[in-house]
Amino acid sequence: MKMNKTLLLSSLLLSSALPAHAHTGVGAVHGVLAGALHPLLGIDHILVMLAVGLWAALRSGKALWQLPLAFLTAMGAGAGLSMLGLTISAAETAVAGSVLAAGLLVWRNTRMSSALAMAVVAVFALAHGYVHAVELTDSADALGYAAGFLLTTAALHGLGLAAGVVAAARVKMLAAGFGLVCAVVGVGLLAGV
């Protein structure tokens, strides 16, 4: 039990030292490599991508592919909306809220219909895809950039799935701890910490 408290405290301290958002507006955005790296530059993206994979593992069955696919599809749509010049108000707030919500879903191992679960992760993904693409410039390789962030997102989902499947005996404890850390970080992001 002492080890679990130490791990939780260490995780909270580590995540508080990371950037609150992946969208700093600095640096040029070009092609596949920039897109692949972008989801790894902010704790908000990392936590939600892992949470979707872990929640899918907790749900098992068709959710193993349905939730990540719903997320990736909606993320591409969100990026497309941004590339078309459409505006999603408070997209960064929606991303921060998705960290809190994803954390709560995993922490509580929330049960709902498959359709509703896919819709929930799609809403998260729409905001994440939008903010990924907001930083594109006219000179950027938009399709390469999108392919890059979709590949990294799929890999992060895969890590969450693997953690859930490999640690099946301890998955509920792992998920609860991860979900709680994710929810706490989400509250911090929403509070502007």
N, C-alpha and C. Protein backbone atom coordinates (compact mmCIF):
# COMPACT_ATOMS: atom_id res chain seq x y z
N MET A 1 0.82 -1.19 0.00
CA MET A 1 0.00 0.00 0.00
C MET A 1 0.87 1.26 0.00
N LYS A 2 1.96 1.24 0.80
CA LYS A 2 2.87 2.38 0.85
C LYS A 2 3.48 2.65 -0.53
N MET A 3 3.79 1.57 -1.27
CA MET A 3 4.35 1.70 -2.61
C MET A 3 3.36 2.40 -3.52
N ASN A 4 2.07 2.06 -3.43
CA ASN A 4 1.05 2.68 -4.27
C ASN A 4 0.93 4.17 -3.98
N LYS A 5 0.99 4.56 -2.70
CA LYS A 5 0.92 5.98 -2.35
C LYS A 5 2.14 6.72 -2.88
N THR A 6 3.30 6.09 -2.79
CA THR A 6 4.53 6.70 -3.30
C THR A 6 4.45 6.87 -4.81
N LEU A 7 3.96 5.85 -5.49
CA LEU A 7 3.82 5.92 -6.94
C LEU A 7 2.83 7.02 -7.34
N LEU A 8 1.71 7.10 -6.65
CA LEU A 8 0.71 8.12 -6.95
C LEU A 8 1.29 9.52 -6.72
N LEU A 9 1.95 9.73 -5.59
CA LEU A 9 2.53 11.03 -5.30
C LEU A 9 3.61 11.39 -6.32
N SER A 10 4.44 10.43 -6.68
CA SER A 10 5.48 10.68 -7.69
C SER A 10 4.87 11.05 -9.02
N SER A 11 3.81 10.36 -9.41
CA SER A 11 3.14 10.64 -10.68
C SER A 11 2.55 12.04 -10.68
N LEU A 12 1.92 12.42 -9.58
CA LEU A 12 1.34 13.76 -9.49
C LEU A 12 2.42 14.84 -9.57
N LEU A 13 3.51 14.65 -8.86
CA LEU A 13 4.59 15.62 -8.90
C LEU A 13 5.21 15.71 -10.28
N LEU A 14 5.42 14.57 -10.93
CA LEU A 14 5.99 14.56 -12.27
C LEU A 14 5.08 15.29 -13.24
N SER A 15 3.78 15.00 -13.20
CA SER A 15 2.88 15.63 -14.15
C SER A 15 2.73 17.12 -13.89
N SER A 16 2.92 17.57 -12.67
CA SER A 16 2.82 19.00 -12.41
C SER A 16 4.01 19.75 -12.99
N ALA A 17 5.10 19.06 -13.27
CA ALA A 17 6.29 19.70 -13.82
C ALA A 17 6.25 19.77 -15.34
N LEU A 18 5.30 19.10 -15.96
CA LEU A 18 5.22 19.09 -17.42
C LEU A 18 4.37 20.25 -17.91
N PRO A 19 4.49 20.64 -19.18
CA PRO A 19 3.68 21.73 -19.70
C PRO A 19 2.20 21.41 -19.59
N ALA A 20 1.42 22.43 -19.33
CA ALA A 20 -0.02 22.24 -19.17
C ALA A 20 -0.70 22.01 -20.51
N HIS A 21 -0.14 22.57 -21.56
CA HIS A 21 -0.75 22.43 -22.89
C HIS A 21 0.33 22.14 -23.91
N ALA A 22 -0.06 21.43 -24.94
CA ALA A 22 0.89 21.10 -26.00
C ALA A 22 0.92 22.17 -27.07
N HIS A 23 0.21 23.25 -26.89
CA HIS A 23 0.02 24.23 -27.96
C HIS A 23 0.64 25.55 -27.59
N THR A 24 1.94 25.61 -27.75
CA THR A 24 2.68 26.78 -27.33
C THR A 24 2.72 27.85 -28.41
N GLY A 25 2.45 27.47 -29.64
CA GLY A 25 2.50 28.43 -30.72
C GLY A 25 3.91 28.79 -31.15
N VAL A 26 4.90 28.02 -30.73
CA VAL A 26 6.27 28.31 -31.12
C VAL A 26 6.77 27.24 -32.07
N GLY A 27 7.66 27.65 -32.94
CA GLY A 27 8.27 26.70 -33.86
C GLY A 27 7.42 26.46 -35.09
N ALA A 28 8.09 26.03 -36.14
CA ALA A 28 7.40 25.75 -37.38
C ALA A 28 6.76 24.37 -37.33
N VAL A 29 5.65 24.25 -38.00
CA VAL A 29 4.94 22.98 -38.06
C VAL A 29 5.02 22.48 -39.49
N HIS A 30 5.73 21.37 -39.69
CA HIS A 30 5.90 20.80 -41.02
C HIS A 30 5.80 19.29 -40.95
N GLY A 31 5.05 18.70 -41.81
CA GLY A 31 5.08 17.29 -42.10
C GLY A 31 4.88 16.27 -41.00
N VAL A 32 5.19 15.04 -41.38
CA VAL A 32 4.92 13.85 -40.57
C VAL A 32 5.63 13.89 -39.23
N LEU A 33 6.91 14.25 -39.21
CA LEU A 33 7.66 14.22 -37.95
C LEU A 33 7.09 15.21 -36.94
N ALA A 34 6.79 16.42 -37.39
CA ALA A 34 6.21 17.42 -36.48
C ALA A 34 4.87 16.92 -35.95
N GLY A 35 4.08 16.32 -36.83
CA GLY A 35 2.79 15.78 -36.40
C GLY A 35 2.95 14.63 -35.43
N ALA A 36 3.93 13.77 -35.68
CA ALA A 36 4.15 12.62 -34.80
C ALA A 36 4.62 13.06 -33.42
N LEU A 37 5.40 14.11 -33.35
CA LEU A 37 5.92 14.59 -32.07
C LEU A 37 4.89 15.41 -31.28
N HIS A 38 4.00 16.07 -31.98
CA HIS A 38 3.08 17.00 -31.32
C HIS A 38 2.29 16.39 -30.16
N PRO A 39 1.69 15.21 -30.29
CA PRO A 39 0.94 14.66 -29.15
C PRO A 39 1.81 14.34 -27.94
N LEU A 40 3.11 14.24 -28.14
CA LEU A 40 4.02 13.90 -27.05
C LEU A 40 4.51 15.13 -26.29
N LEU A 41 4.13 16.32 -26.75
CA LEU A 41 4.64 17.56 -26.17
C LEU A 41 3.77 18.14 -25.06
N GLY A 42 2.67 17.49 -24.76
CA GLY A 42 1.80 18.01 -23.70
C GLY A 42 1.17 16.90 -22.90
N ILE A 43 1.13 17.07 -21.62
CA ILE A 43 0.56 16.06 -20.74
C ILE A 43 -0.92 15.84 -21.03
N ASP A 44 -1.61 16.88 -21.51
CA ASP A 44 -3.03 16.74 -21.81
C ASP A 44 -3.26 15.67 -22.87
N HIS A 45 -2.50 15.72 -23.94
CA HIS A 45 -2.66 14.74 -25.01
C HIS A 45 -2.25 13.34 -24.56
N ILE A 46 -1.10 13.26 -23.94
CA ILE A 46 -0.58 11.94 -23.51
C ILE A 46 -1.59 11.23 -22.61
N LEU A 47 -2.09 11.94 -21.61
CA LEU A 47 -3.01 11.30 -20.66
C LEU A 47 -4.30 10.84 -21.32
N VAL A 48 -4.88 11.66 -22.18
CA VAL A 48 -6.15 11.26 -22.81
C VAL A 48 -5.95 10.09 -23.76
N MET A 49 -4.87 10.11 -24.54
CA MET A 49 -4.63 9.01 -25.47
C MET A 49 -4.43 7.69 -24.72
N LEU A 50 -3.64 7.73 -23.65
CA LEU A 50 -3.45 6.52 -22.84
C LEU A 50 -4.76 6.10 -22.18
N ALA A 51 -5.52 7.07 -21.69
CA ALA A 51 -6.79 6.76 -21.02
C ALA A 51 -7.77 6.08 -21.96
N VAL A 52 -7.84 6.52 -23.20
CA VAL A 52 -8.76 5.89 -24.16
C VAL A 52 -8.37 4.43 -24.36
N GLY A 53 -7.08 4.16 -24.52
CA GLY A 53 -6.63 2.78 -24.68
C GLY A 53 -6.91 1.94 -23.44
N LEU A 54 -6.65 2.51 -22.28
CA LEU A 54 -6.87 1.78 -21.03
C LEU A 54 -8.36 1.53 -20.79
N TRP A 55 -9.19 2.54 -21.08
CA TRP A 55 -10.64 2.36 -20.92
C TRP A 55 -11.15 1.28 -21.88
N ALA A 56 -10.61 1.27 -23.10
CA ALA A 56 -10.98 0.22 -24.07
C ALA A 56 -10.61 -1.15 -23.53
N ALA A 57 -9.42 -1.27 -22.92
CA ALA A 57 -9.00 -2.56 -22.35
C ALA A 57 -9.91 -2.97 -21.19
N LEU A 58 -10.32 -2.00 -20.38
CA LEU A 58 -11.23 -2.30 -19.28
C LEU A 58 -12.58 -2.80 -19.80
N ARG A 59 -13.04 -2.21 -20.89
CA ARG A 59 -14.34 -2.58 -21.47
C ARG A 59 -14.23 -3.91 -22.22
N SER A 60 -13.07 -4.20 -22.78
CA SER A 60 -12.76 -5.42 -23.54
C SER A 60 -13.70 -5.63 -24.73
N GLY A 61 -13.62 -6.79 -25.34
CA GLY A 61 -14.46 -7.11 -26.50
C GLY A 61 -14.24 -6.15 -27.65
N LYS A 62 -15.33 -5.73 -28.28
CA LYS A 62 -15.26 -4.83 -29.43
C LYS A 62 -14.70 -3.47 -29.08
N ALA A 63 -14.79 -3.09 -27.81
CA ALA A 63 -14.26 -1.79 -27.39
C ALA A 63 -12.77 -1.68 -27.65
N LEU A 64 -12.08 -2.81 -27.71
CA LEU A 64 -10.63 -2.80 -27.95
C LEU A 64 -10.29 -2.10 -29.26
N TRP A 65 -11.16 -2.17 -30.24
CA TRP A 65 -10.91 -1.47 -31.49
C TRP A 65 -11.89 -0.32 -31.71
N GLN A 66 -13.11 -0.41 -31.14
CA GLN A 66 -14.11 0.63 -31.38
C GLN A 66 -13.71 1.99 -30.79
N LEU A 67 -13.25 2.00 -29.55
CA LEU A 67 -12.93 3.28 -28.92
C LEU A 67 -11.74 3.97 -29.58
N PRO A 68 -10.62 3.25 -29.81
CA PRO A 68 -9.52 3.93 -30.52
C PRO A 68 -9.91 4.38 -31.93
N LEU A 69 -10.68 3.57 -32.64
CA LEU A 69 -11.10 3.95 -33.99
C LEU A 69 -12.01 5.17 -33.96
N ALA A 70 -12.95 5.21 -33.03
CA ALA A 70 -13.83 6.38 -32.90
C ALA A 70 -13.00 7.63 -32.59
N PHE A 71 -12.02 7.47 -31.72
CA PHE A 71 -11.17 8.61 -31.35
C PHE A 71 -10.39 9.09 -32.57
N LEU A 72 -9.72 8.18 -33.27
CA LEU A 72 -8.90 8.57 -34.42
C LEU A 72 -9.74 9.21 -35.52
N THR A 73 -10.92 8.67 -35.76
CA THR A 73 -11.80 9.22 -36.80
C THR A 73 -12.23 10.65 -36.44
N ALA A 74 -12.69 10.83 -35.21
CA ALA A 74 -13.14 12.16 -34.79
C ALA A 74 -11.97 13.14 -34.69
N MET A 75 -10.80 12.63 -34.34
CA MET A 75 -9.62 13.50 -34.28
C MET A 75 -9.28 14.02 -35.67
N GLY A 76 -9.36 13.15 -36.66
CA GLY A 76 -9.15 13.58 -38.04
C GLY A 76 -10.19 14.60 -38.46
N ALA A 77 -11.43 14.40 -38.04
CA ALA A 77 -12.51 15.35 -38.37
C ALA A 77 -12.25 16.70 -37.70
N GLY A 78 -11.81 16.68 -36.45
CA GLY A 78 -11.50 17.93 -35.75
C GLY A 78 -10.38 18.69 -36.44
N ALA A 79 -9.37 17.96 -36.88
CA ALA A 79 -8.27 18.60 -37.61
C ALA A 79 -8.79 19.17 -38.92
N GLY A 80 -9.67 18.43 -39.58
CA GLY A 80 -10.26 18.91 -40.82
C GLY A 80 -11.04 20.20 -40.64
N LEU A 81 -11.80 20.30 -39.54
CA LEU A 81 -12.54 21.53 -39.25
C LEU A 81 -11.59 22.72 -39.11
N SER A 82 -10.48 22.48 -38.43
CA SER A 82 -9.49 23.54 -38.25
C SER A 82 -8.87 23.93 -39.59
N MET A 83 -8.54 22.93 -40.40
CA MET A 83 -7.92 23.20 -41.71
C MET A 83 -8.87 23.94 -42.64
N LEU A 84 -10.18 23.75 -42.43
CA LEU A 84 -11.17 24.47 -43.23
C LEU A 84 -11.40 25.89 -42.73
N GLY A 85 -10.76 26.22 -41.61
CA GLY A 85 -10.88 27.57 -41.07
C GLY A 85 -12.04 27.75 -40.11
N LEU A 86 -12.71 26.67 -39.74
CA LEU A 86 -13.81 26.77 -38.79
C LEU A 86 -13.25 26.91 -37.37
N THR A 87 -14.01 27.54 -36.52
CA THR A 87 -13.55 27.78 -35.15
C THR A 87 -14.36 26.96 -34.16
N ILE A 88 -13.66 26.31 -33.26
CA ILE A 88 -14.31 25.64 -32.12
C ILE A 88 -13.96 26.48 -30.90
N SER A 89 -14.97 27.14 -30.35
CA SER A 89 -14.74 28.00 -29.19
C SER A 89 -14.23 27.18 -28.01
N ALA A 90 -13.30 27.74 -27.29
CA ALA A 90 -12.77 27.14 -26.07
C ALA A 90 -12.24 25.73 -26.28
N ALA A 91 -11.59 25.50 -27.41
CA ALA A 91 -11.07 24.16 -27.72
C ALA A 91 -10.04 23.72 -26.68
N GLU A 92 -9.18 24.63 -26.23
CA GLU A 92 -8.18 24.27 -25.22
C GLU A 92 -8.86 23.87 -23.91
N THR A 93 -9.94 24.56 -23.57
CA THR A 93 -10.69 24.21 -22.36
C THR A 93 -11.33 22.84 -22.53
N ALA A 94 -11.82 22.55 -23.72
CA ALA A 94 -12.41 21.24 -23.99
C ALA A 94 -11.34 20.14 -23.87
N VAL A 95 -10.13 20.42 -24.34
CA VAL A 95 -9.04 19.45 -24.21
C VAL A 95 -8.74 19.21 -22.73
N ALA A 96 -8.63 20.28 -21.96
CA ALA A 96 -8.37 20.13 -20.52
C ALA A 96 -9.51 19.37 -19.84
N GLY A 97 -10.74 19.69 -20.23
CA GLY A 97 -11.89 18.97 -19.68
C GLY A 97 -11.88 17.50 -20.04
N SER A 98 -11.36 17.19 -21.22
CA SER A 98 -11.29 15.79 -21.63
C SER A 98 -10.31 15.00 -20.76
N VAL A 99 -9.28 15.67 -20.26
CA VAL A 99 -8.33 15.00 -19.36
C VAL A 99 -9.06 14.61 -18.07
N LEU A 100 -9.82 15.55 -17.52
CA LEU A 100 -10.59 15.27 -16.31
C LEU A 100 -11.61 14.16 -16.57
N ALA A 101 -12.38 14.30 -17.64
CA ALA A 101 -13.43 13.32 -17.94
C ALA A 101 -12.85 11.93 -18.21
N ALA A 102 -11.79 11.86 -19.00
CA ALA A 102 -11.18 10.56 -19.30
C ALA A 102 -10.64 9.93 -18.02
N GLY A 103 -10.05 10.74 -17.18
CA GLY A 103 -9.56 10.23 -15.90
C GLY A 103 -10.67 9.65 -15.05
N LEU A 104 -11.79 10.35 -14.99
CA LEU A 104 -12.93 9.86 -14.21
C LEU A 104 -13.51 8.58 -14.80
N LEU A 105 -13.59 8.51 -16.12
CA LEU A 105 -14.13 7.31 -16.77
C LEU A 105 -13.28 6.08 -16.45
N VAL A 106 -11.96 6.25 -16.49
CA VAL A 106 -11.06 5.13 -16.21
C VAL A 106 -11.04 4.83 -14.71
N TRP A 107 -10.94 5.87 -13.90
CA TRP A 107 -10.87 5.69 -12.45
C TRP A 107 -12.08 4.92 -11.92
N ARG A 108 -13.25 5.30 -12.39
CA ARG A 108 -14.49 4.67 -11.93
C ARG A 108 -14.88 3.46 -12.79
N ASN A 109 -14.09 3.17 -13.83
CA ASN A 109 -14.41 2.09 -14.76
C ASN A 109 -15.87 2.20 -15.19
N THR A 110 -16.22 3.37 -15.67
CA THR A 110 -17.59 3.72 -16.01
C THR A 110 -18.15 2.82 -17.10
N ARG A 111 -19.33 2.31 -16.87
CA ARG A 111 -20.03 1.46 -17.83
C ARG A 111 -21.12 2.26 -18.54
N MET A 112 -21.20 2.08 -19.84
CA MET A 112 -22.23 2.70 -20.67
C MET A 112 -22.30 1.91 -21.96
N SER A 113 -23.28 2.20 -22.77
CA SER A 113 -23.41 1.49 -24.04
C SER A 113 -22.19 1.78 -24.92
N SER A 114 -21.92 0.87 -25.84
CA SER A 114 -20.79 1.06 -26.76
C SER A 114 -20.95 2.33 -27.58
N ALA A 115 -22.17 2.58 -28.04
CA ALA A 115 -22.42 3.78 -28.85
C ALA A 115 -22.13 5.05 -28.06
N LEU A 116 -22.56 5.09 -26.82
CA LEU A 116 -22.31 6.27 -25.99
C LEU A 116 -20.82 6.40 -25.68
N ALA A 117 -20.15 5.30 -25.39
CA ALA A 117 -18.71 5.34 -25.12
C ALA A 117 -17.95 5.87 -26.34
N MET A 118 -18.33 5.42 -27.53
CA MET A 118 -17.67 5.92 -28.75
C MET A 118 -17.96 7.40 -28.95
N ALA A 119 -19.19 7.83 -28.67
CA ALA A 119 -19.54 9.25 -28.80
C ALA A 119 -18.74 10.10 -27.82
N VAL A 120 -18.58 9.61 -26.60
CA VAL A 120 -17.82 10.35 -25.59
C VAL A 120 -16.37 10.54 -26.04
N VAL A 121 -15.71 9.46 -26.47
CA VAL A 121 -14.32 9.62 -26.89
C VAL A 121 -14.22 10.44 -28.18
N ALA A 122 -15.26 10.40 -29.01
CA ALA A 122 -15.26 11.21 -30.23
C ALA A 122 -15.30 12.70 -29.89
N VAL A 123 -16.06 13.07 -28.87
CA VAL A 123 -16.11 14.47 -28.45
C VAL A 123 -14.73 14.92 -27.96
N PHE A 124 -14.08 14.07 -27.16
CA PHE A 124 -12.72 14.39 -26.71
C PHE A 124 -11.83 14.61 -27.94
N ALA A 125 -11.92 13.68 -28.87
CA ALA A 125 -11.02 13.65 -30.02
C ALA A 125 -11.22 14.85 -30.94
N LEU A 126 -12.46 15.29 -31.09
CA LEU A 126 -12.74 16.45 -31.94
C LEU A 126 -11.92 17.65 -31.47
N ALA A 127 -11.93 17.88 -30.16
CA ALA A 127 -11.17 19.00 -29.61
C ALA A 127 -9.67 18.79 -29.77
N HIS A 128 -9.20 17.58 -29.51
CA HIS A 128 -7.76 17.30 -29.64
C HIS A 128 -7.31 17.47 -31.09
N GLY A 129 -8.07 16.95 -32.04
CA GLY A 129 -7.71 17.09 -33.44
C GLY A 129 -7.71 18.54 -33.88
N TYR A 130 -8.70 19.29 -33.42
CA TYR A 130 -8.78 20.71 -33.76
C TYR A 130 -7.55 21.47 -33.28
N VAL A 131 -7.19 21.28 -32.01
CA VAL A 131 -6.05 22.04 -31.49
C VAL A 131 -4.72 21.58 -32.10
N HIS A 132 -4.64 20.32 -32.50
CA HIS A 132 -3.42 19.88 -33.19
C HIS A 132 -3.26 20.66 -34.49
N ALA A 133 -4.34 20.83 -35.23
CA ALA A 133 -4.26 21.43 -36.56
C ALA A 133 -4.26 22.96 -36.53
N VAL A 134 -4.65 23.57 -35.43
CA VAL A 134 -4.68 25.03 -35.34
C VAL A 134 -3.32 25.64 -35.64
N GLU A 135 -2.26 24.95 -35.30
CA GLU A 135 -0.91 25.49 -35.46
C GLU A 135 -0.36 25.37 -36.88
N LEU A 136 -1.10 24.75 -37.77
CA LEU A 136 -0.61 24.61 -39.15
C LEU A 136 -0.51 25.96 -39.84
N THR A 137 0.50 26.09 -40.65
CA THR A 137 0.65 27.29 -41.47
C THR A 137 0.34 26.91 -42.91
N ASP A 138 0.21 27.91 -43.76
CA ASP A 138 -0.08 27.64 -45.16
C ASP A 138 1.02 26.83 -45.83
N SER A 139 2.25 26.96 -45.34
CA SER A 139 3.37 26.25 -45.96
C SER A 139 3.54 24.83 -45.42
N ALA A 140 2.75 24.45 -44.45
CA ALA A 140 2.90 23.13 -43.83
C ALA A 140 2.33 22.03 -44.71
N ASP A 141 2.87 20.85 -44.55
CA ASP A 141 2.34 19.65 -45.19
C ASP A 141 1.22 19.13 -44.29
N ALA A 142 0.01 19.62 -44.52
CA ALA A 142 -1.12 19.33 -43.63
C ALA A 142 -1.42 17.84 -43.55
N LEU A 143 -1.41 17.15 -44.68
CA LEU A 143 -1.72 15.72 -44.65
C LEU A 143 -0.63 14.92 -43.95
N GLY A 144 0.62 15.28 -44.18
CA GLY A 144 1.72 14.61 -43.49
C GLY A 144 1.66 14.85 -41.99
N TYR A 145 1.38 16.10 -41.61
CA TYR A 145 1.27 16.46 -40.20
C TYR A 145 0.14 15.67 -39.54
N ALA A 146 -1.02 15.62 -40.20
CA ALA A 146 -2.16 14.87 -39.66
C ALA A 146 -1.83 13.38 -39.55
N ALA A 147 -1.19 12.85 -40.58
CA ALA A 147 -0.80 11.43 -40.53
C ALA A 147 0.12 11.18 -39.34
N GLY A 148 1.04 12.09 -39.10
CA GLY A 148 1.97 11.95 -37.98
C GLY A 148 1.27 11.95 -36.64
N PHE A 149 0.36 12.92 -36.41
CA PHE A 149 -0.28 12.94 -35.09
C PHE A 149 -1.28 11.81 -34.94
N LEU A 150 -1.86 11.34 -36.03
CA LEU A 150 -2.77 10.18 -35.93
C LEU A 150 -1.98 8.90 -35.61
N LEU A 151 -0.80 8.75 -36.21
CA LEU A 151 0.03 7.57 -35.91
C LEU A 151 0.48 7.55 -34.45
N THR A 152 0.93 8.69 -33.95
CA THR A 152 1.35 8.75 -32.55
C THR A 152 0.17 8.53 -31.61
N THR A 153 -0.97 9.07 -31.96
CA THR A 153 -2.18 8.86 -31.15
C THR A 153 -2.52 7.38 -31.11
N ALA A 154 -2.47 6.72 -32.27
CA ALA A 154 -2.75 5.27 -32.30
C ALA A 154 -1.74 4.51 -31.44
N ALA A 155 -0.48 4.92 -31.48
CA ALA A 155 0.54 4.26 -30.66
C ALA A 155 0.27 4.45 -29.17
N LEU A 156 -0.14 5.66 -28.78
CA LEU A 156 -0.47 5.91 -27.37
C LEU A 156 -1.70 5.11 -26.95
N HIS A 157 -2.70 5.01 -27.84
CA HIS A 157 -3.85 4.14 -27.54
C HIS A 157 -3.36 2.71 -27.34
N GLY A 158 -2.46 2.28 -28.21
CA GLY A 158 -1.91 0.93 -28.11
C GLY A 158 -1.19 0.69 -26.79
N LEU A 159 -0.46 1.69 -26.32
CA LEU A 159 0.21 1.56 -25.02
C LEU A 159 -0.81 1.41 -23.89
N GLY A 160 -1.87 2.20 -23.96
CA GLY A 160 -2.93 2.08 -22.95
C GLY A 160 -3.60 0.72 -23.00
N LEU A 161 -3.87 0.25 -24.22
CA LEU A 161 -4.45 -1.08 -24.40
C LEU A 161 -3.52 -2.15 -23.84
N ALA A 162 -2.25 -2.05 -24.20
CA ALA A 162 -1.27 -3.05 -23.75
C ALA A 162 -1.17 -3.08 -22.23
N ALA A 163 -1.15 -1.90 -21.63
CA ALA A 163 -1.08 -1.84 -20.16
C ALA A 163 -2.28 -2.54 -19.55
N GLY A 164 -3.45 -2.33 -20.15
CA GLY A 164 -4.66 -2.96 -19.64
C GLY A 164 -4.69 -4.46 -19.85
N VAL A 165 -4.24 -4.91 -21.01
CA VAL A 165 -4.28 -6.33 -21.34
C VAL A 165 -3.19 -7.10 -20.60
N VAL A 166 -1.96 -6.58 -20.61
CA VAL A 166 -0.84 -7.27 -19.97
C VAL A 166 -1.03 -7.36 -18.46
N ALA A 167 -1.53 -6.31 -17.88
CA ALA A 167 -1.70 -6.27 -16.43
C ALA A 167 -3.12 -6.63 -16.03
N ALA A 168 -3.74 -7.56 -16.77
CA ALA A 168 -5.15 -7.88 -16.55
C ALA A 168 -5.47 -8.19 -15.09
N ALA A 169 -4.58 -8.86 -14.40
CA ALA A 169 -4.85 -9.21 -13.00
C ALA A 169 -4.88 -7.97 -12.12
N ARG A 170 -4.10 -6.98 -12.48
CA ARG A 170 -4.03 -5.77 -11.67
C ARG A 170 -4.61 -4.57 -12.40
N VAL A 171 -5.31 -4.81 -13.49
CA VAL A 171 -5.74 -3.71 -14.34
C VAL A 171 -6.69 -2.75 -13.61
N LYS A 172 -7.54 -3.24 -12.76
CA LYS A 172 -8.47 -2.34 -12.09
C LYS A 172 -7.74 -1.40 -11.14
N MET A 173 -6.75 -1.91 -10.44
CA MET A 173 -5.97 -1.06 -9.54
C MET A 173 -5.13 -0.07 -10.36
N LEU A 174 -4.49 -0.56 -11.42
CA LEU A 174 -3.71 0.29 -12.31
C LEU A 174 -4.60 1.37 -12.91
N ALA A 175 -5.75 0.97 -13.43
CA ALA A 175 -6.66 1.90 -14.06
C ALA A 175 -7.16 2.94 -13.07
N ALA A 176 -7.51 2.51 -11.88
CA ALA A 176 -8.00 3.45 -10.87
C ALA A 176 -6.94 4.48 -10.53
N GLY A 177 -5.70 4.04 -10.35
CA GLY A 177 -4.61 4.97 -10.05
C GLY A 177 -4.35 5.93 -11.19
N PHE A 178 -4.29 5.40 -12.41
CA PHE A 178 -4.07 6.25 -13.58
C PHE A 178 -5.22 7.23 -13.76
N GLY A 179 -6.44 6.72 -13.63
CA GLY A 179 -7.62 7.58 -13.80
C GLY A 179 -7.64 8.71 -12.80
N LEU A 180 -7.28 8.42 -11.56
CA LEU A 180 -7.25 9.46 -10.53
C LEU A 180 -6.19 10.51 -10.85
N VAL A 181 -5.00 10.08 -11.25
CA VAL A 181 -3.95 11.03 -11.63
C VAL A 181 -4.42 11.87 -12.81
N CYS A 182 -5.02 11.24 -13.79
CA CYS A 182 -5.52 11.94 -14.98
C CYS A 182 -6.57 12.98 -14.58
N ALA A 183 -7.50 12.61 -13.71
CA ALA A 183 -8.55 13.53 -13.27
C ALA A 183 -7.95 14.71 -12.51
N VAL A 184 -6.98 14.46 -11.65
CA VAL A 184 -6.34 15.54 -10.89
C VAL A 184 -5.62 16.50 -11.83
N VAL A 185 -4.91 15.97 -12.82
CA VAL A 185 -4.24 16.82 -13.79
C VAL A 185 -5.28 17.62 -14.58
N GLY A 186 -6.40 17.00 -14.94
CA GLY A 186 -7.47 17.71 -15.65
C GLY A 186 -8.00 18.88 -14.85
N VAL A 187 -8.20 18.68 -13.56
CA VAL A 187 -8.65 19.78 -12.69
C VAL A 187 -7.60 20.89 -12.71
N GLY A 188 -6.33 20.51 -12.61
CA GLY A 188 -5.26 21.51 -12.65
C GLY A 188 -5.23 22.28 -13.96
N LEU A 189 -5.41 21.59 -15.07
CA LEU A 189 -5.43 22.25 -16.37
C LEU A 189 -6.60 23.22 -16.48
N LEU A 190 -7.77 22.78 -16.01
CA LEU A 190 -8.94 23.65 -16.06
C LEU A 190 -8.79 24.86 -15.14
N ALA A 191 -8.07 24.67 -14.04
CA ALA A 191 -7.85 25.77 -13.10
C ALA A 191 -6.71 26.68 -13.53
N GLY A 192 -6.02 26.29 -14.59
CA GLY A 192 -4.92 27.11 -15.10
C GLY A 192 -3.62 26.94 -14.34
N VAL A 193 -3.50 25.83 -13.64
CA VAL A 193 -2.28 25.56 -12.86
C VAL A 193 -1.20 25.06 -13.77
